PDB file of all heavy atoms in Angstrom:
ATOM      1  N   SER A   1       0.833  -1.250  -0.005  1.00  0.00           N
ATOM      2  CA  SER A   1       0.009  -0.054  -0.004  1.00  0.00           C
ATOM      3  C   SER A   1       0.799   1.278  -0.008  1.00  0.00           C
ATOM      4  O   SER A   1       0.638   2.164  -0.773  1.00  0.00           O
ATOM      5  CB  SER A   1      -0.892   0.082   1.249  1.00  0.00           C
ATOM      6  OG  SER A   1      -1.634  -1.276   1.395  1.00  0.00           O
ATOM      7  N   LEU A   2       1.872   1.318   0.853  1.00  0.00           N
ATOM      8  CA  LEU A   2       2.763   2.420   0.923  1.00  0.00           C
ATOM      9  C   LEU A   2       3.485   2.627  -0.455  1.00  0.00           C
ATOM     10  O   LEU A   2       3.648   3.824  -0.932  1.00  0.00           O
ATOM     11  CB  LEU A   2       3.815   2.127   1.999  1.00  0.00           C
ATOM     12  CG  LEU A   2       3.462   2.415   3.448  1.00  0.00           C
ATOM     13  CD1 LEU A   2       4.579   1.995   4.377  1.00  0.00           C
ATOM     14  CD2 LEU A   2       3.071   3.865   3.670  1.00  0.00           C
ATOM     15  N   ASN A   3       3.911   1.606  -1.016  1.00  0.00           N
ATOM     16  CA  ASN A   3       4.594   1.744  -2.295  1.00  0.00           C
ATOM     17  C   ASN A   3       3.741   2.234  -3.419  1.00  0.00           C
ATOM     18  O   ASN A   3       4.156   2.968  -4.248  1.00  0.00           O
ATOM     19  CB  ASN A   3       5.353   0.489  -2.610  1.00  0.00           C
ATOM     20  CG  ASN A   3       6.683   0.334  -1.849  1.00  0.00           C
ATOM     21  OD1 ASN A   3       7.635   0.822  -2.352  1.00  0.00           O
ATOM     22  ND2 ASN A   3       6.632  -0.353  -0.701  1.00  0.00           N
ATOM     23  N   ARG A   4       2.449   1.739  -3.420  1.00  0.00           N
ATOM     24  CA  ARG A   4       1.512   2.261  -4.339  1.00  0.00           C
ATOM     25  C   ARG A   4       1.326   3.735  -4.129  1.00  0.00           C
ATOM     26  O   ARG A   4       1.278   4.551  -5.090  1.00  0.00           O
ATOM     27  CB  ARG A   4       0.141   1.513  -4.261  1.00  0.00           C
ATOM     28  CG  ARG A   4       0.172   0.167  -4.902  1.00  0.00           C
ATOM     29  CD  ARG A   4      -1.191  -0.488  -4.932  1.00  0.00           C
ATOM     30  NE  ARG A   4      -1.693  -0.926  -3.601  1.00  0.00           N
ATOM     31  CZ  ARG A   4      -1.534  -2.104  -3.227  1.00  0.00           C
ATOM     32  NH1 ARG A   4      -1.065  -3.097  -3.974  1.00  0.00           N
ATOM     33  NH2 ARG A   4      -2.063  -2.473  -2.051  1.00  0.00           N
ATOM     34  N   MET A   5       1.167   4.214  -2.829  1.00  0.00           N
ATOM     35  CA  MET A   5       0.840   5.532  -2.600  1.00  0.00           C
ATOM     36  C   MET A   5       2.115   6.446  -2.916  1.00  0.00           C
ATOM     37  O   MET A   5       1.893   7.505  -3.625  1.00  0.00           O
ATOM     38  CB  MET A   5       0.586   5.765  -1.116  1.00  0.00           C
ATOM     39  CG  MET A   5       0.077   7.151  -0.766  1.00  0.00           C
ATOM     40  SD  MET A   5       0.483   7.659   0.924  1.00  0.00           S
ATOM     41  CE  MET A   5       2.220   7.912   0.821  1.00  0.00           C
ATOM     42  N   TYR A   6       3.310   6.064  -2.529  1.00  0.00           N
ATOM     43  CA  TYR A   6       4.436   6.781  -2.864  1.00  0.00           C
ATOM     44  C   TYR A   6       4.630   7.007  -4.386  1.00  0.00           C
ATOM     45  O   TYR A   6       4.926   8.074  -4.873  1.00  0.00           O
ATOM     46  CB  TYR A   6       5.710   6.165  -2.342  1.00  0.00           C
ATOM     47  CG  TYR A   6       6.067   6.311  -0.888  1.00  0.00           C
ATOM     48  CD1 TYR A   6       6.335   5.220  -0.095  1.00  0.00           C
ATOM     49  CD2 TYR A   6       5.940   7.534  -0.281  1.00  0.00           C
ATOM     50  CE1 TYR A   6       6.610   5.300   1.291  1.00  0.00           C
ATOM     51  CE2 TYR A   6       6.190   7.599   1.059  1.00  0.00           C
ATOM     52  CZ  TYR A   6       6.550   6.597   1.827  1.00  0.00           C
ATOM     53  OH  TYR A   6       6.765   6.765   3.188  1.00  0.00           O
ATOM     54  N   ALA A   7       4.418   5.939  -5.094  1.00  0.00           N
ATOM     55  CA  ALA A   7       4.651   5.940  -6.573  1.00  0.00           C
ATOM     56  C   ALA A   7       3.656   6.759  -7.266  1.00  0.00           C
ATOM     57  O   ALA A   7       3.903   7.548  -8.203  1.00  0.00           O
ATOM     58  CB  ALA A   7       4.579   4.508  -7.123  1.00  0.00           C
ATOM     59  N   ASN A   8       2.354   6.799  -6.820  1.00  0.00           N
ATOM     60  CA  ASN A   8       1.389   7.659  -7.330  1.00  0.00           C
ATOM     61  C   ASN A   8       1.600   9.133  -7.040  1.00  0.00           C
ATOM     62  O   ASN A   8       1.322   9.939  -7.924  1.00  0.00           O
ATOM     63  CB  ASN A   8      -0.026   7.272  -6.754  1.00  0.00           C
ATOM     64  CG  ASN A   8      -0.759   6.172  -7.584  1.00  0.00           C
ATOM     65  OD1 ASN A   8      -1.559   6.461  -8.400  1.00  0.00           O
ATOM     66  ND2 ASN A   8      -0.320   4.883  -7.352  1.00  0.00           N
ATOM     67  N   ALA A   9       2.197   9.358  -5.920  1.00  0.00           N
ATOM     68  CA  ALA A   9       2.492  10.766  -5.608  1.00  0.00           C
ATOM     69  C   ALA A   9       3.619  11.297  -6.394  1.00  0.00           C
ATOM     70  O   ALA A   9       3.600  12.482  -6.838  1.00  0.00           O
ATOM     71  CB  ALA A   9       2.769  10.884  -4.078  1.00  0.00           C
ATOM     72  N   ILE A  10       4.567  10.438  -6.736  1.00  0.00           N
ATOM     73  CA  ILE A  10       5.780  10.862  -7.488  1.00  0.00           C
ATOM     74  C   ILE A  10       5.512  10.907  -8.990  1.00  0.00           C
ATOM     75  O   ILE A  10       5.917  11.814  -9.705  1.00  0.00           O
ATOM     76  CB  ILE A  10       6.878   9.793  -7.216  1.00  0.00           C
ATOM     77  CG1 ILE A  10       7.387  10.008  -5.776  1.00  0.00           C
ATOM     78  CG2 ILE A  10       8.062  10.115  -8.124  1.00  0.00           C
ATOM     79  CD1 ILE A  10       8.187   8.870  -5.251  1.00  0.00           C
ATOM     80  N   LEU A  11       4.733   9.964  -9.456  1.00  0.00           N
ATOM     81  CA  LEU A  11       4.360   9.833 -10.894  1.00  0.00           C
ATOM     82  C   LEU A  11       2.799   9.940 -10.970  1.00  0.00           C
ATOM     83  O   LEU A  11       2.173   8.962 -11.236  1.00  0.00           O
ATOM     84  CB  LEU A  11       4.888   8.498 -11.503  1.00  0.00           C
ATOM     85  CG  LEU A  11       6.396   8.354 -11.555  1.00  0.00           C
ATOM     86  CD1 LEU A  11       6.727   6.931 -12.195  1.00  0.00           C
ATOM     87  CD2 LEU A  11       6.996   9.412 -12.367  1.00  0.00           C
ATOM     88  N   PRO A  12       2.231  11.120 -10.952  1.00  0.00           N
ATOM     89  CA  PRO A  12       0.765  11.280 -11.022  1.00  0.00           C
ATOM     90  C   PRO A  12       0.179  10.750 -12.252  1.00  0.00           C
ATOM     91  O   PRO A  12      -1.005  10.475 -12.303  1.00  0.00           O
ATOM     92  CB  PRO A  12       0.580  12.649 -10.729  1.00  0.00           C
ATOM     93  CG  PRO A  12       1.796  13.486 -11.029  1.00  0.00           C
ATOM     94  CD  PRO A  12       2.885  12.416 -10.729  1.00  0.00           C
ATOM     95  N   GLU A  13       0.967  10.814 -13.384  1.00  0.00           N
ATOM     96  CA  GLU A  13       0.392  10.254 -14.609  1.00  0.00           C
ATOM     97  C   GLU A  13       1.079   8.906 -14.910  1.00  0.00           C
ATOM     98  O   GLU A  13       2.257   8.847 -15.186  1.00  0.00           O
ATOM     99  CB  GLU A  13       0.762  11.255 -15.817  1.00  0.00           C
ATOM    100  CG  GLU A  13      -0.079  12.537 -15.676  1.00  0.00           C
ATOM    101  CD  GLU A  13      -0.275  13.232 -17.120  1.00  0.00           C
ATOM    102  OE1 GLU A  13      -0.151  12.494 -18.132  1.00  0.00           O
ATOM    103  OE2 GLU A  13      -0.472  14.394 -17.007  1.00  0.00           O
ATOM    104  N   GLY A  14       0.263   7.894 -14.869  1.00  0.00           N
ATOM    105  CA  GLY A  14       0.779   6.541 -14.967  1.00  0.00           C
ATOM    106  C   GLY A  14      -0.238   5.466 -14.732  1.00  0.00           C
ATOM    107  O   GLY A  14      -1.437   5.732 -14.545  1.00  0.00           O
ATOM    108  N   SER A  15       0.268   4.268 -14.662  1.00  0.00           N
ATOM    109  CA  SER A  15      -0.643   3.052 -14.346  1.00  0.00           C
ATOM    110  C   SER A  15      -0.026   2.233 -13.228  1.00  0.00           C
ATOM    111  O   SER A  15       1.203   2.053 -13.132  1.00  0.00           O
ATOM    112  CB  SER A  15      -0.813   2.253 -15.626  1.00  0.00           C
ATOM    113  OG  SER A  15      -1.379   2.998 -16.621  1.00  0.00           O
ATOM    114  N   ASP A  16      -0.846   1.679 -12.393  1.00  0.00           N
ATOM    115  CA  ASP A  16      -0.437   0.788 -11.324  1.00  0.00           C
ATOM    116  C   ASP A  16      -0.696  -0.676 -11.595  1.00  0.00           C
ATOM    117  O   ASP A  16      -1.660  -1.018 -12.308  1.00  0.00           O
ATOM    118  CB  ASP A  16      -1.326   1.118 -10.079  1.00  0.00           C
ATOM    119  CG  ASP A  16      -1.029   2.429  -9.394  1.00  0.00           C
ATOM    120  OD1 ASP A  16       0.156   2.718  -9.207  1.00  0.00           O
ATOM    121  OD2 ASP A  16      -1.966   3.146  -9.170  1.00  0.00           O
ATOM    122  N   TYR A  17       0.243  -1.474 -11.237  1.00  0.00           N
ATOM    123  CA  TYR A  17       0.132  -2.894 -11.327  1.00  0.00           C
ATOM    124  C   TYR A  17       0.602  -3.605 -10.010  1.00  0.00           C
ATOM    125  O   TYR A  17       1.649  -3.287  -9.508  1.00  0.00           O
ATOM    126  CB  TYR A  17       1.036  -3.371 -12.525  1.00  0.00           C
ATOM    127  CG  TYR A  17       0.686  -2.749 -13.863  1.00  0.00           C
ATOM    128  CD1 TYR A  17       1.253  -1.607 -14.306  1.00  0.00           C
ATOM    129  CD2 TYR A  17      -0.212  -3.363 -14.742  1.00  0.00           C
ATOM    130  CE1 TYR A  17       1.004  -0.955 -15.457  1.00  0.00           C
ATOM    131  CE2 TYR A  17      -0.618  -2.756 -15.949  1.00  0.00           C
ATOM    132  CZ  TYR A  17      -0.013  -1.522 -16.353  1.00  0.00           C
ATOM    133  OH  TYR A  17      -0.287  -0.987 -17.564  1.00  0.00           O
ATOM    134  N   THR A  18      -0.174  -4.614  -9.721  1.00  0.00           N
ATOM    135  CA  THR A  18       0.239  -5.419  -8.502  1.00  0.00           C
ATOM    136  C   THR A  18       0.119  -6.838  -8.894  1.00  0.00           C
ATOM    137  O   THR A  18      -0.875  -7.340  -9.400  1.00  0.00           O
ATOM    138  CB  THR A  18      -0.678  -5.144  -7.286  1.00  0.00           C
ATOM    139  OG1 THR A  18      -0.656  -3.776  -6.881  1.00  0.00           O
ATOM    140  CG2 THR A  18      -0.196  -6.016  -6.044  1.00  0.00           C
ATOM    141  N   PHE A  19       1.237  -7.565  -8.676  1.00  0.00           N
ATOM    142  CA  PHE A  19       1.243  -8.988  -8.992  1.00  0.00           C
ATOM    143  C   PHE A  19       1.551  -9.672  -7.592  1.00  0.00           C
ATOM    144  O   PHE A  19       2.522  -9.315  -6.919  1.00  0.00           O
ATOM    145  CB  PHE A  19       2.384  -9.373 -10.009  1.00  0.00           C
ATOM    146  CG  PHE A  19       2.104  -8.833 -11.356  1.00  0.00           C
ATOM    147  CD1 PHE A  19       2.488  -7.525 -11.805  1.00  0.00           C
ATOM    148  CD2 PHE A  19       1.429  -9.610 -12.314  1.00  0.00           C
ATOM    149  CE1 PHE A  19       2.257  -7.095 -13.127  1.00  0.00           C
ATOM    150  CE2 PHE A  19       1.192  -9.189 -13.638  1.00  0.00           C
ATOM    151  CZ  PHE A  19       1.626  -7.804 -13.927  1.00  0.00           C
ATOM    152  N   TRP A  20       0.897 -10.738  -7.383  1.00  0.00           N
ATOM    153  CA  TRP A  20       1.087 -11.575  -6.171  1.00  0.00           C
ATOM    154  C   TRP A  20       1.707 -12.927  -6.517  1.00  0.00           C
ATOM    155  O   TRP A  20       1.232 -13.556  -7.494  1.00  0.00           O
ATOM    156  CB  TRP A  20      -0.203 -11.797  -5.445  1.00  0.00           C
ATOM    157  CG  TRP A  20      -0.811 -10.476  -4.854  1.00  0.00           C
ATOM    158  CD1 TRP A  20      -0.450  -9.847  -3.758  1.00  0.00           C
ATOM    159  CD2 TRP A  20      -1.885  -9.783  -5.491  1.00  0.00           C
ATOM    160  NE1 TRP A  20      -1.194  -8.708  -3.681  1.00  0.00           N
ATOM    161  CE2 TRP A  20      -2.116  -8.616  -4.643  1.00  0.00           C
ATOM    162  CE3 TRP A  20      -2.686  -9.974  -6.630  1.00  0.00           C
ATOM    163  CZ2 TRP A  20      -3.085  -7.732  -4.967  1.00  0.00           C
ATOM    164  CZ3 TRP A  20      -3.618  -9.028  -7.017  1.00  0.00           C
ATOM    165  CH2 TRP A  20      -3.835  -7.895  -6.111  1.00  0.00           C
ATOM    166  N   GLY A  21       2.683 -13.407  -5.719  1.00  0.00           N
ATOM    167  CA  GLY A  21       3.207 -14.716  -5.965  1.00  0.00           C
ATOM    168  C   GLY A  21       4.722 -14.633  -6.537  1.00  0.00           C
ATOM    169  O   GLY A  21       5.177 -13.505  -6.802  1.00  0.00           O
ATOM    170  N   LYS A  22       5.202 -15.753  -6.753  1.00  0.00           N
ATOM    171  CA  LYS A  22       4.562 -17.193  -6.594  1.00  0.00           C
ATOM    172  C   LYS A  22       4.513 -17.394  -5.063  1.00  0.00           C
ATOM    173  O   LYS A  22       5.478 -17.199  -4.340  1.00  0.00           O
ATOM    174  CB  LYS A  22       5.474 -18.215  -7.213  1.00  0.00           C
ATOM    175  CG  LYS A  22       4.875 -19.524  -7.061  1.00  0.00           C
ATOM    176  CD  LYS A  22       5.738 -20.671  -7.732  1.00  0.00           C
ATOM    177  CE  LYS A  22       5.096 -22.089  -7.500  1.00  0.00           C
ATOM    178  NZ  LYS A  22       5.976 -23.112  -8.160  1.00  0.00           N
ATOM    179  N   GLY A  23       3.313 -17.802  -4.654  1.00  0.00           N
ATOM    180  CA  GLY A  23       3.113 -18.040  -3.239  1.00  0.00           C
ATOM    181  C   GLY A  23       1.791 -18.743  -2.933  1.00  0.00           C
ATOM    182  O   GLY A  23       0.956 -18.801  -3.753  1.00  0.00           O
ATOM    183  N   VAL A  24       1.770 -19.268  -1.760  1.00  0.00           N
ATOM    184  CA  VAL A  24       0.650 -20.033  -1.208  1.00  0.00           C
ATOM    185  C   VAL A  24      -0.454 -18.992  -0.809  1.00  0.00           C
ATOM    186  O   VAL A  24      -0.150 -18.113  -0.046  1.00  0.00           O
ATOM    187  CB  VAL A  24       1.011 -20.881  -0.025  1.00  0.00           C
ATOM    188  CG1 VAL A  24      -0.234 -21.545   0.678  1.00  0.00           C
ATOM    189  CG2 VAL A  24       2.005 -21.955  -0.391  1.00  0.00           C
ATOM    190  N   SER A  25      -1.579 -19.249  -1.357  1.00  0.00           N
ATOM    191  CA  SER A  25      -2.806 -18.434  -0.989  1.00  0.00           C
ATOM    192  C   SER A  25      -3.548 -19.281   0.068  1.00  0.00           C
ATOM    193  O   SER A  25      -4.121 -20.325  -0.210  1.00  0.00           O
ATOM    194  CB  SER A  25      -3.750 -18.168  -2.093  1.00  0.00           C
ATOM    195  OG  SER A  25      -4.935 -17.528  -1.634  1.00  0.00           O
TER     196      SER A  25
END
Protein backbone atom coordinates (compact mmCIF):
# COMPACT_ATOMS: atom_id res chain seq x y z
CA SER A 1 0.00 0.00 0.00
CA LEU A 2 2.78 2.41 0.93
CA ASN A 3 4.64 1.75 -2.29
CA ARG A 4 1.50 2.27 -4.37
CA MET A 5 0.91 5.59 -2.59
CA TYR A 6 4.50 6.82 -2.88
CA ALA A 7 4.64 5.91 -6.58
CA ASN A 8 1.32 7.63 -7.33
CA ALA A 9 2.47 10.79 -5.57
CA ILE A 10 5.75 10.85 -7.50
CA LEU A 11 4.35 9.86 -10.91
CA PRO A 12 0.78 11.24 -11.01
CA GLU A 13 0.42 10.29 -14.67
CA GLY A 14 0.79 6.55 -15.03
CA SER A 15 -0.60 3.10 -14.35
CA ASP A 16 -0.47 0.82 -11.29
CA TYR A 17 0.15 -2.91 -11.37
CA THR A 18 0.22 -5.39 -8.50
CA PHE A 19 1.26 -9.01 -8.97
CA TRP A 20 1.10 -11.58 -6.16
CA GLY A 21 3.22 -14.69 -5.98
CA LYS A 22 4.60 -17.11 -6.57
CA GLY A 23 3.16 -18.04 -3.23
CA VAL A 24 0.65 -20.00 -1.21
CA SER A 25 -2.80 -18.45 -0.93
